[in-house]
């Protein structure tokens, strides 16, 4: 089993990182950083990276994202 940081877009896999060279504790720290950034954008409605307010459609997509650390036997498949 290998460790992956999986990014879900709704119920489908939208991206992933891994297999990761570190353990679950480090993965959880990094996952929590992504979650905190997501919460900040949701609260403010502003993207510092794009330097503008986000559209309703963009906000919907951001709200639908989830970040999870998962042990998997096989590499995650996008849109699975």
N, C-alpha and C. Protein backbone atom coordinates (compact mmCIF):
# COMPACT_ATOMS: atom_id res chain seq x y z
N UNK A 1 0.85 -1.17 0.00
CA UNK A 1 0.00 0.00 0.00
C UNK A 1 0.89 1.24 0.00
N UNK A 2 0.48 2.23 -0.78
CA UNK A 2 1.21 3.49 -0.87
C UNK A 2 0.28 4.63 -0.50
N UNK A 3 0.87 5.71 0.01
CA UNK A 3 0.11 6.85 0.50
C UNK A 3 -0.03 7.91 -0.59
N UNK A 4 -1.25 8.40 -0.76
CA UNK A 4 -1.55 9.44 -1.75
C UNK A 4 -2.35 10.56 -1.08
N UNK A 5 -2.13 11.78 -1.54
CA UNK A 5 -3.01 12.91 -1.19
C UNK A 5 -3.95 13.05 -2.37
N UNK A 6 -5.22 12.76 -2.15
CA UNK A 6 -6.20 12.72 -3.23
C UNK A 6 -7.08 13.96 -3.15
N UNK A 7 -7.29 14.59 -4.31
CA UNK A 7 -8.14 15.77 -4.40
C UNK A 7 -9.43 15.36 -5.12
N UNK A 8 -10.51 15.45 -4.39
CA UNK A 8 -11.81 15.11 -4.97
C UNK A 8 -12.50 16.38 -5.46
N UNK A 9 -13.11 16.29 -6.61
CA UNK A 9 -13.96 17.35 -7.16
C UNK A 9 -15.36 16.75 -7.17
N UNK A 10 -16.13 17.08 -6.16
CA UNK A 10 -17.41 16.40 -5.99
C UNK A 10 -17.14 14.98 -5.55
N UNK A 11 -17.68 14.01 -6.27
CA UNK A 11 -17.46 12.60 -5.92
C UNK A 11 -16.38 11.95 -6.79
N UNK A 12 -15.77 12.70 -7.69
CA UNK A 12 -14.75 12.15 -8.59
C UNK A 12 -13.36 12.64 -8.20
N UNK A 13 -12.35 11.88 -8.57
CA UNK A 13 -10.98 12.27 -8.31
C UNK A 13 -10.56 13.30 -9.35
N UNK A 14 -10.19 14.49 -8.86
CA UNK A 14 -9.78 15.57 -9.75
C UNK A 14 -8.27 15.72 -9.83
N UNK A 15 -7.55 15.09 -8.91
CA UNK A 15 -6.10 15.15 -8.90
C UNK A 15 -5.56 14.39 -7.71
N UNK A 16 -4.24 14.19 -7.71
CA UNK A 16 -3.61 13.50 -6.59
C UNK A 16 -2.12 13.78 -6.60
N UNK A 17 -1.50 13.55 -5.47
CA UNK A 17 -0.05 13.60 -5.34
C UNK A 17 0.37 12.28 -4.74
N UNK A 18 1.42 11.69 -5.30
CA UNK A 18 1.93 10.45 -4.73
C UNK A 18 2.30 9.45 -5.79
N UNK A 19 2.84 8.33 -5.33
CA UNK A 19 2.95 7.97 -3.93
C UNK A 19 3.89 8.92 -3.19
N UNK A 20 3.51 9.21 -1.97
CA UNK A 20 4.24 10.20 -1.18
C UNK A 20 5.44 9.57 -0.48
N UNK A 21 6.54 10.32 -0.38
CA UNK A 21 7.76 9.78 0.24
C UNK A 21 7.75 9.89 1.76
N UNK A 22 6.67 10.40 2.34
CA UNK A 22 6.60 10.58 3.79
C UNK A 22 5.37 9.86 4.32
N UNK A 23 5.19 9.89 5.61
CA UNK A 23 4.12 9.15 6.26
C UNK A 23 2.81 9.93 6.40
N UNK A 24 1.87 9.29 7.07
CA UNK A 24 0.53 9.84 7.23
C UNK A 24 0.54 11.16 8.00
N UNK A 25 1.38 11.28 9.03
CA UNK A 25 1.40 12.53 9.81
C UNK A 25 1.71 13.73 8.94
N UNK A 26 2.71 13.62 8.06
CA UNK A 26 3.07 14.73 7.17
C UNK A 26 1.97 14.96 6.13
N UNK A 27 1.37 13.90 5.63
CA UNK A 27 0.28 14.04 4.66
C UNK A 27 -0.88 14.81 5.29
N UNK A 28 -1.22 14.48 6.52
CA UNK A 28 -2.33 15.15 7.21
C UNK A 28 -2.01 16.64 7.40
N UNK A 29 -0.77 16.97 7.74
CA UNK A 29 -0.38 18.38 7.88
C UNK A 29 -0.58 19.12 6.56
N UNK A 30 -0.14 18.52 5.48
CA UNK A 30 -0.27 19.17 4.17
C UNK A 30 -1.73 19.25 3.73
N UNK A 31 -2.48 18.18 3.99
CA UNK A 31 -3.92 18.19 3.69
C UNK A 31 -4.62 19.31 4.45
N UNK A 32 -4.27 19.47 5.71
CA UNK A 32 -4.90 20.51 6.52
C UNK A 32 -4.55 21.91 6.02
N UNK A 33 -3.35 22.07 5.47
CA UNK A 33 -2.97 23.35 4.87
C UNK A 33 -3.85 23.65 3.67
N UNK A 34 -4.10 22.65 2.82
CA UNK A 34 -5.00 22.84 1.68
C UNK A 34 -6.41 23.17 2.15
N UNK A 35 -6.88 22.47 3.16
CA UNK A 35 -8.22 22.71 3.69
C UNK A 35 -8.35 24.13 4.25
N UNK A 36 -7.32 24.60 4.94
CA UNK A 36 -7.34 25.95 5.51
C UNK A 36 -7.37 27.00 4.40
N UNK A 37 -6.59 26.78 3.35
CA UNK A 37 -6.60 27.71 2.21
C UNK A 37 -7.96 27.73 1.55
N UNK A 38 -8.55 26.56 1.41
CA UNK A 38 -9.88 26.45 0.81
C UNK A 38 -10.91 27.21 1.66
N UNK A 39 -10.85 27.03 2.97
CA UNK A 39 -11.80 27.71 3.87
C UNK A 39 -11.64 29.23 3.79
N UNK A 40 -10.41 29.69 3.68
CA UNK A 40 -10.15 31.13 3.57
C UNK A 40 -10.76 31.71 2.30
N UNK A 41 -10.60 30.99 1.19
CA UNK A 41 -11.17 31.45 -0.08
C UNK A 41 -12.70 31.42 -0.01
N UNK A 42 -13.26 30.38 0.58
CA UNK A 42 -14.72 30.28 0.70
C UNK A 42 -15.25 31.43 1.55
N UNK A 43 -14.56 31.74 2.63
CA UNK A 43 -15.00 32.81 3.52
C UNK A 43 -14.91 34.18 2.85
N UNK A 44 -13.83 34.42 2.13
CA UNK A 44 -13.60 35.74 1.54
C UNK A 44 -14.19 35.90 0.15
N UNK A 45 -14.28 34.79 -0.59
CA UNK A 45 -14.73 34.87 -1.98
C UNK A 45 -13.68 35.48 -2.90
N UNK A 46 -12.46 35.60 -2.39
CA UNK A 46 -11.38 36.28 -3.13
C UNK A 46 -10.22 35.31 -3.37
N UNK A 47 -9.68 35.34 -4.58
CA UNK A 47 -8.50 34.55 -4.90
C UNK A 47 -7.29 35.47 -4.94
N UNK A 48 -6.37 35.27 -4.00
CA UNK A 48 -5.13 36.06 -3.99
C UNK A 48 -4.28 35.71 -5.20
N UNK A 49 -4.32 34.45 -5.61
CA UNK A 49 -3.54 34.01 -6.76
C UNK A 49 -4.00 34.71 -8.05
N UNK A 50 -5.30 34.88 -8.21
CA UNK A 50 -5.83 35.55 -9.41
C UNK A 50 -6.07 37.04 -9.18
N UNK A 51 -5.95 37.45 -7.90
CA UNK A 51 -6.12 38.86 -7.52
C UNK A 51 -7.48 39.42 -7.92
N UNK A 52 -8.54 38.62 -7.62
CA UNK A 52 -9.89 39.07 -7.93
C UNK A 52 -10.91 38.26 -7.15
N UNK A 53 -12.13 38.80 -7.11
CA UNK A 53 -13.27 38.07 -6.55
C UNK A 53 -13.58 36.90 -7.47
N UNK A 54 -14.01 35.81 -6.88
CA UNK A 54 -14.36 34.63 -7.66
C UNK A 54 -15.83 34.67 -8.06
N UNK A 55 -16.12 34.06 -9.20
CA UNK A 55 -17.50 33.99 -9.68
C UNK A 55 -18.26 32.93 -8.86
N UNK A 56 -19.57 32.97 -8.97
CA UNK A 56 -20.40 31.97 -8.28
C UNK A 56 -20.04 30.56 -8.73
N UNK A 57 -19.77 30.37 -10.02
CA UNK A 57 -19.40 29.05 -10.54
C UNK A 57 -18.07 28.59 -9.96
N UNK A 58 -17.11 29.49 -9.86
CA UNK A 58 -15.81 29.15 -9.28
C UNK A 58 -15.95 28.79 -7.81
N UNK A 59 -16.78 29.54 -7.09
CA UNK A 59 -17.01 29.26 -5.68
C UNK A 59 -17.67 27.89 -5.49
N UNK A 60 -18.60 27.56 -6.36
CA UNK A 60 -19.27 26.25 -6.30
C UNK A 60 -18.24 25.14 -6.46
N UNK A 61 -17.32 25.30 -7.41
CA UNK A 61 -16.28 24.29 -7.64
C UNK A 61 -15.36 24.17 -6.43
N UNK A 62 -14.99 25.29 -5.83
CA UNK A 62 -14.11 25.25 -4.66
C UNK A 62 -14.80 24.59 -3.48
N UNK A 63 -16.08 24.86 -3.30
CA UNK A 63 -16.83 24.23 -2.20
C UNK A 63 -16.92 22.72 -2.38
N UNK A 64 -16.92 22.26 -3.63
CA UNK A 64 -17.07 20.83 -3.93
C UNK A 64 -15.75 20.05 -3.76
N UNK A 65 -14.65 20.75 -3.56
CA UNK A 65 -13.36 20.08 -3.43
C UNK A 65 -13.16 19.50 -2.04
N UNK A 66 -12.51 18.33 -2.00
CA UNK A 66 -12.12 17.70 -0.74
C UNK A 66 -10.68 17.22 -0.88
N UNK A 67 -9.95 17.26 0.20
CA UNK A 67 -8.56 16.80 0.22
C UNK A 67 -8.47 15.68 1.24
N UNK A 68 -7.97 14.52 0.81
CA UNK A 68 -7.92 13.35 1.70
C UNK A 68 -6.59 12.62 1.54
N UNK A 69 -6.06 12.11 2.64
CA UNK A 69 -4.89 11.24 2.63
C UNK A 69 -5.40 9.80 2.62
N UNK A 70 -4.93 9.02 1.66
CA UNK A 70 -5.45 7.66 1.52
C UNK A 70 -4.33 6.69 1.19
N UNK A 71 -4.40 5.53 1.85
CA UNK A 71 -3.53 4.41 1.50
C UNK A 71 -4.22 3.67 0.37
N UNK A 72 -3.50 3.40 -0.71
CA UNK A 72 -4.08 2.71 -1.86
C UNK A 72 -3.09 1.69 -2.42
N UNK A 73 -3.63 0.60 -2.91
CA UNK A 73 -2.80 -0.41 -3.56
C UNK A 73 -2.43 0.01 -4.97
N UNK A 74 -3.30 0.77 -5.61
CA UNK A 74 -3.08 1.23 -6.98
C UNK A 74 -3.15 2.74 -7.03
N UNK A 75 -2.45 3.30 -7.99
CA UNK A 75 -2.49 4.76 -8.19
C UNK A 75 -3.93 5.20 -8.50
N UNK A 76 -4.39 6.30 -7.90
CA UNK A 76 -5.75 6.77 -8.19
C UNK A 76 -5.90 7.12 -9.67
N UNK A 77 -7.09 6.93 -10.17
CA UNK A 77 -7.39 7.28 -11.55
C UNK A 77 -8.24 8.53 -11.55
N UNK A 78 -7.88 9.51 -12.40
CA UNK A 78 -8.65 10.73 -12.51
C UNK A 78 -10.07 10.42 -12.98
N UNK A 79 -11.04 11.16 -12.43
CA UNK A 79 -12.46 11.01 -12.75
C UNK A 79 -13.03 9.67 -12.34
N UNK A 80 -12.36 9.00 -11.42
CA UNK A 80 -12.87 7.68 -10.96
C UNK A 80 -13.70 7.86 -9.71
